[in-house]
Amino acid sequence: MISIPSRQYFPTRLLRATATLCLMIALGACSWNEDRTGKIGGAVGGILGGIAGSNVSNGSGRTAAIILGATLGTMWGEDIAHGMSNADKIFAERTTKDTLEYGKPGENTTWSNPETGSSGNVVANETYTNKDGENCRNFETTAHIEGEDRTTTGTACKMPDGEWKVMEDPKA
């Protein structure tokens, strides 16, 4: 005889997580953009937004926070990725890494992709050593894509393997 576990064995958290994941994927797929990059950006943004929303609130407000986070993340992720081809991303990434490694503080380093017409620039500040002994630099990137400028700022630190890693929470 097969027994069905009682309701107490079905963890509410697992059920919520499954429903949230389905919602985030569905929202990520609801992209107006026919470009696959925008859809992927929207899906990733939706997932990250949902995760952020789940960590913001508890209780009855948590579901609303997850939905809001997933919705905003979807829109944000698609907007950032929209219009940037893979080649644009490679140009921007190489220029950023070169600027972090070799650029003088305040020097404007540019990139352009003649195939798409996209271009951008990177400016890095002085190198400093954080409390973990890593060399770090604050930087600003601007990408001119489809007639719009998109500017972001961040901090990157040089890892022991020689690669620069953008830090989510820079250490002073």
Protein backbone atom coordinates (compact mmCIF):
# COMPACT_ATOMS: atom_id res chain seq x y z
CA MET A 1 0.00 0.00 0.00
CA ILE A 2 1.30 3.42 -0.94
CA SER A 3 0.95 6.04 1.71
CA ILE A 4 0.79 9.71 0.93
CA PRO A 5 2.69 11.87 3.37
CA SER A 6 0.66 14.23 5.43
CA ARG A 7 0.74 17.95 4.68
CA GLN A 8 3.34 18.51 7.37
CA TYR A 9 5.95 16.73 5.24
CA PHE A 10 5.57 19.12 2.31
CA PRO A 11 7.84 21.98 3.26
CA THR A 12 6.20 25.32 2.64
CA ARG A 13 9.56 26.84 1.78
CA LEU A 14 10.15 24.32 -1.01
CA LEU A 15 6.71 24.95 -2.44
CA ARG A 16 7.22 28.72 -2.30
CA ALA A 17 10.68 28.43 -3.82
CA THR A 18 9.36 26.32 -6.70
CA ALA A 19 6.50 28.72 -7.35
CA THR A 20 8.87 31.69 -7.16
CA LEU A 21 11.33 30.11 -9.59
CA CYS A 22 8.52 29.39 -12.06
CA LEU A 23 7.28 32.98 -11.76
CA MET A 24 10.76 34.42 -12.26
CA ILE A 25 11.40 32.30 -15.35
CA ALA A 26 8.00 33.22 -16.77
CA LEU A 27 8.62 36.92 -16.18
CA GLY A 28 12.07 36.64 -17.71
CA ALA A 29 10.58 35.10 -20.84
CA CYS A 30 8.03 37.91 -21.21
CA SER A 31 10.50 40.10 -23.00
CA TRP A 32 9.41 42.50 -25.74
CA ASN A 33 12.88 42.20 -27.22
CA GLU A 34 13.30 39.64 -29.99
CA ASP A 35 17.03 39.63 -29.29
CA ARG A 36 18.11 36.56 -27.30
CA THR A 37 20.55 38.69 -25.26
CA GLY A 38 17.68 40.78 -23.87
CA LYS A 39 15.68 37.69 -22.98
CA ILE A 40 18.62 36.12 -21.19
CA GLY A 41 19.32 39.39 -19.38
CA GLY A 42 15.66 39.61 -18.39
CA ALA A 43 15.60 36.03 -17.12
CA VAL A 44 18.78 36.46 -15.11
CA GLY A 45 17.56 39.79 -13.76
CA GLY A 46 14.24 38.22 -12.79
CA ILE A 47 15.93 35.40 -10.92
CA LEU A 48 18.31 37.73 -9.09
CA GLY A 49 15.47 40.15 -8.31
CA GLY A 50 13.34 37.35 -6.91
CA ILE A 51 16.19 36.15 -4.72
CA ALA A 52 16.79 39.69 -3.49
CA GLY A 53 13.08 40.13 -2.78
CA SER A 54 12.95 36.90 -0.80
CA ASN A 55 15.72 38.16 1.46
CA VAL A 56 14.10 41.53 2.09
CA SER A 57 10.89 40.50 3.78
CA ASN A 58 9.41 37.78 5.97
CA GLY A 59 5.86 36.66 6.58
CA SER A 60 2.96 37.72 4.39
CA GLY A 61 4.93 40.56 2.79
CA ARG A 62 7.58 38.18 1.54
CA THR A 63 5.57 36.92 -1.44
CA ALA A 64 4.90 40.49 -2.57
CA ALA A 65 8.60 41.35 -2.17
CA ILE A 66 9.58 38.31 -4.27
CA ILE A 67 7.14 39.24 -7.04
CA LEU A 68 8.24 42.88 -7.01
CA GLY A 69 11.91 41.90 -7.00
CA ALA A 70 11.41 39.47 -9.89
CA THR A 71 9.47 42.03 -11.93
CA LEU A 72 11.97 44.85 -11.40
CA GLY A 73 14.91 42.50 -11.95
CA THR A 74 13.44 41.33 -15.25
CA MET A 75 13.03 44.89 -16.53
CA TRP A 76 16.48 45.95 -15.31
CA GLY A 77 18.29 42.90 -16.66
CA GLU A 78 16.72 43.22 -20.08
CA ASP A 79 17.46 46.94 -20.27
CA ILE A 80 21.14 46.46 -19.48
CA ALA A 81 21.61 43.59 -21.95
CA HIS A 82 19.39 44.98 -24.71
CA GLY A 83 21.33 46.11 -27.71
CA MET A 84 24.73 44.77 -26.67
CA SER A 85 25.95 42.06 -28.99
CA ASN A 86 28.36 39.41 -27.75
CA ALA A 87 31.11 41.18 -29.68
CA ASP A 88 30.23 44.49 -27.93
CA LYS A 89 30.53 42.75 -24.57
CA ILE A 90 33.93 41.32 -25.53
CA PHE A 91 35.21 44.75 -26.63
CA ALA A 92 33.95 46.34 -23.40
CA GLU A 93 35.34 43.57 -21.18
CA ARG A 94 38.80 43.62 -22.80
CA THR A 95 38.99 47.39 -22.57
CA THR A 96 37.92 47.35 -18.93
CA LYS A 97 40.51 44.70 -18.02
CA ASP A 98 43.27 46.54 -19.91
CA THR A 99 42.32 49.83 -18.26
CA LEU A 100 42.35 48.28 -14.79
CA GLU A 101 45.73 46.65 -15.44
CA TYR A 102 47.58 49.36 -17.38
CA GLY A 103 45.52 52.57 -17.41
CA LYS A 104 46.73 55.73 -15.71
CA PRO A 105 44.36 57.17 -13.10
CA GLY A 106 41.71 59.31 -14.80
CA GLU A 107 42.78 58.24 -18.30
CA ASN A 108 39.87 57.71 -20.72
CA THR A 109 40.26 54.43 -22.65
CA THR A 110 37.83 53.83 -25.51
CA TRP A 111 36.49 50.86 -27.45
CA SER A 112 34.33 50.61 -30.56
CA ASN A 113 32.76 47.86 -32.60
CA PRO A 114 32.59 48.90 -36.28
CA GLU A 115 30.13 46.09 -37.05
CA THR A 116 27.43 47.31 -34.64
CA GLY A 117 28.39 50.96 -34.26
CA SER A 118 28.50 50.54 -30.49
CA SER A 119 31.29 52.19 -28.54
CA GLY A 120 32.27 53.06 -25.02
CA ASN A 121 34.92 54.18 -22.64
CA VAL A 122 36.43 53.17 -19.31
CA VAL A 123 38.07 55.39 -16.69
CA ALA A 124 39.84 53.90 -13.66
CA ASN A 125 40.97 55.76 -10.55
CA GLU A 126 44.09 55.30 -8.40
CA THR A 127 45.03 51.81 -7.32
CA TYR A 128 44.68 51.23 -3.59
CA THR A 129 45.22 48.26 -1.29
CA ASN A 130 42.18 46.97 0.59
CA LYS A 131 42.26 45.46 4.08
CA ASP A 132 42.85 41.98 2.58
CA GLY A 133 45.97 43.19 0.77
CA GLU A 134 44.37 43.14 -2.70
CA ASN A 135 45.07 45.90 -5.21
CA CYS A 136 41.76 47.53 -6.13
CA ARG A 137 40.53 50.31 -8.41
CA ASN A 138 37.25 52.16 -8.67
CA PHE A 139 36.14 52.57 -12.28
CA GLU A 140 33.39 53.97 -14.50
CA THR A 141 32.28 52.54 -17.82
CA THR A 142 30.03 54.14 -20.38
CA ALA A 143 28.63 52.24 -23.36
CA HIS A 144 27.01 54.09 -26.27
CA ILE A 145 24.54 51.56 -27.70
CA GLU A 146 21.67 52.25 -30.08
CA GLY A 147 21.93 55.99 -29.45
CA GLU A 148 21.86 55.73 -25.65
CA ASP A 149 24.63 56.12 -23.10
CA ARG A 150 24.64 53.57 -20.29
CA THR A 151 27.02 54.35 -17.45
CA THR A 152 27.97 52.08 -14.58
CA THR A 153 30.49 52.38 -11.78
CA GLY A 154 32.18 49.72 -9.73
CA THR A 155 35.22 48.50 -7.88
CA ALA A 156 37.49 45.74 -9.11
CA CYS A 157 40.27 43.99 -7.20
CA LYS A 158 43.16 41.98 -8.60
CA MET A 159 42.97 38.35 -7.53
CA PRO A 160 46.01 36.15 -6.74
CA ASP A 161 45.69 34.55 -10.21
CA GLY A 162 46.18 37.97 -11.82
CA GLU A 163 42.56 38.43 -12.96
CA TRP A 164 40.55 41.51 -12.04
CA LYS A 165 37.26 40.73 -10.32
CA VAL A 166 34.41 43.21 -9.94
CA MET A 167 33.52 43.29 -6.27
CA GLU A 168 29.90 43.28 -5.12
CA ASP A 169 30.82 44.61 -1.69
CA PRO A 170 34.22 46.31 -1.91
CA LYS A 171 36.39 46.01 1.18
CA ALA A 172 37.91 49.22 2.42
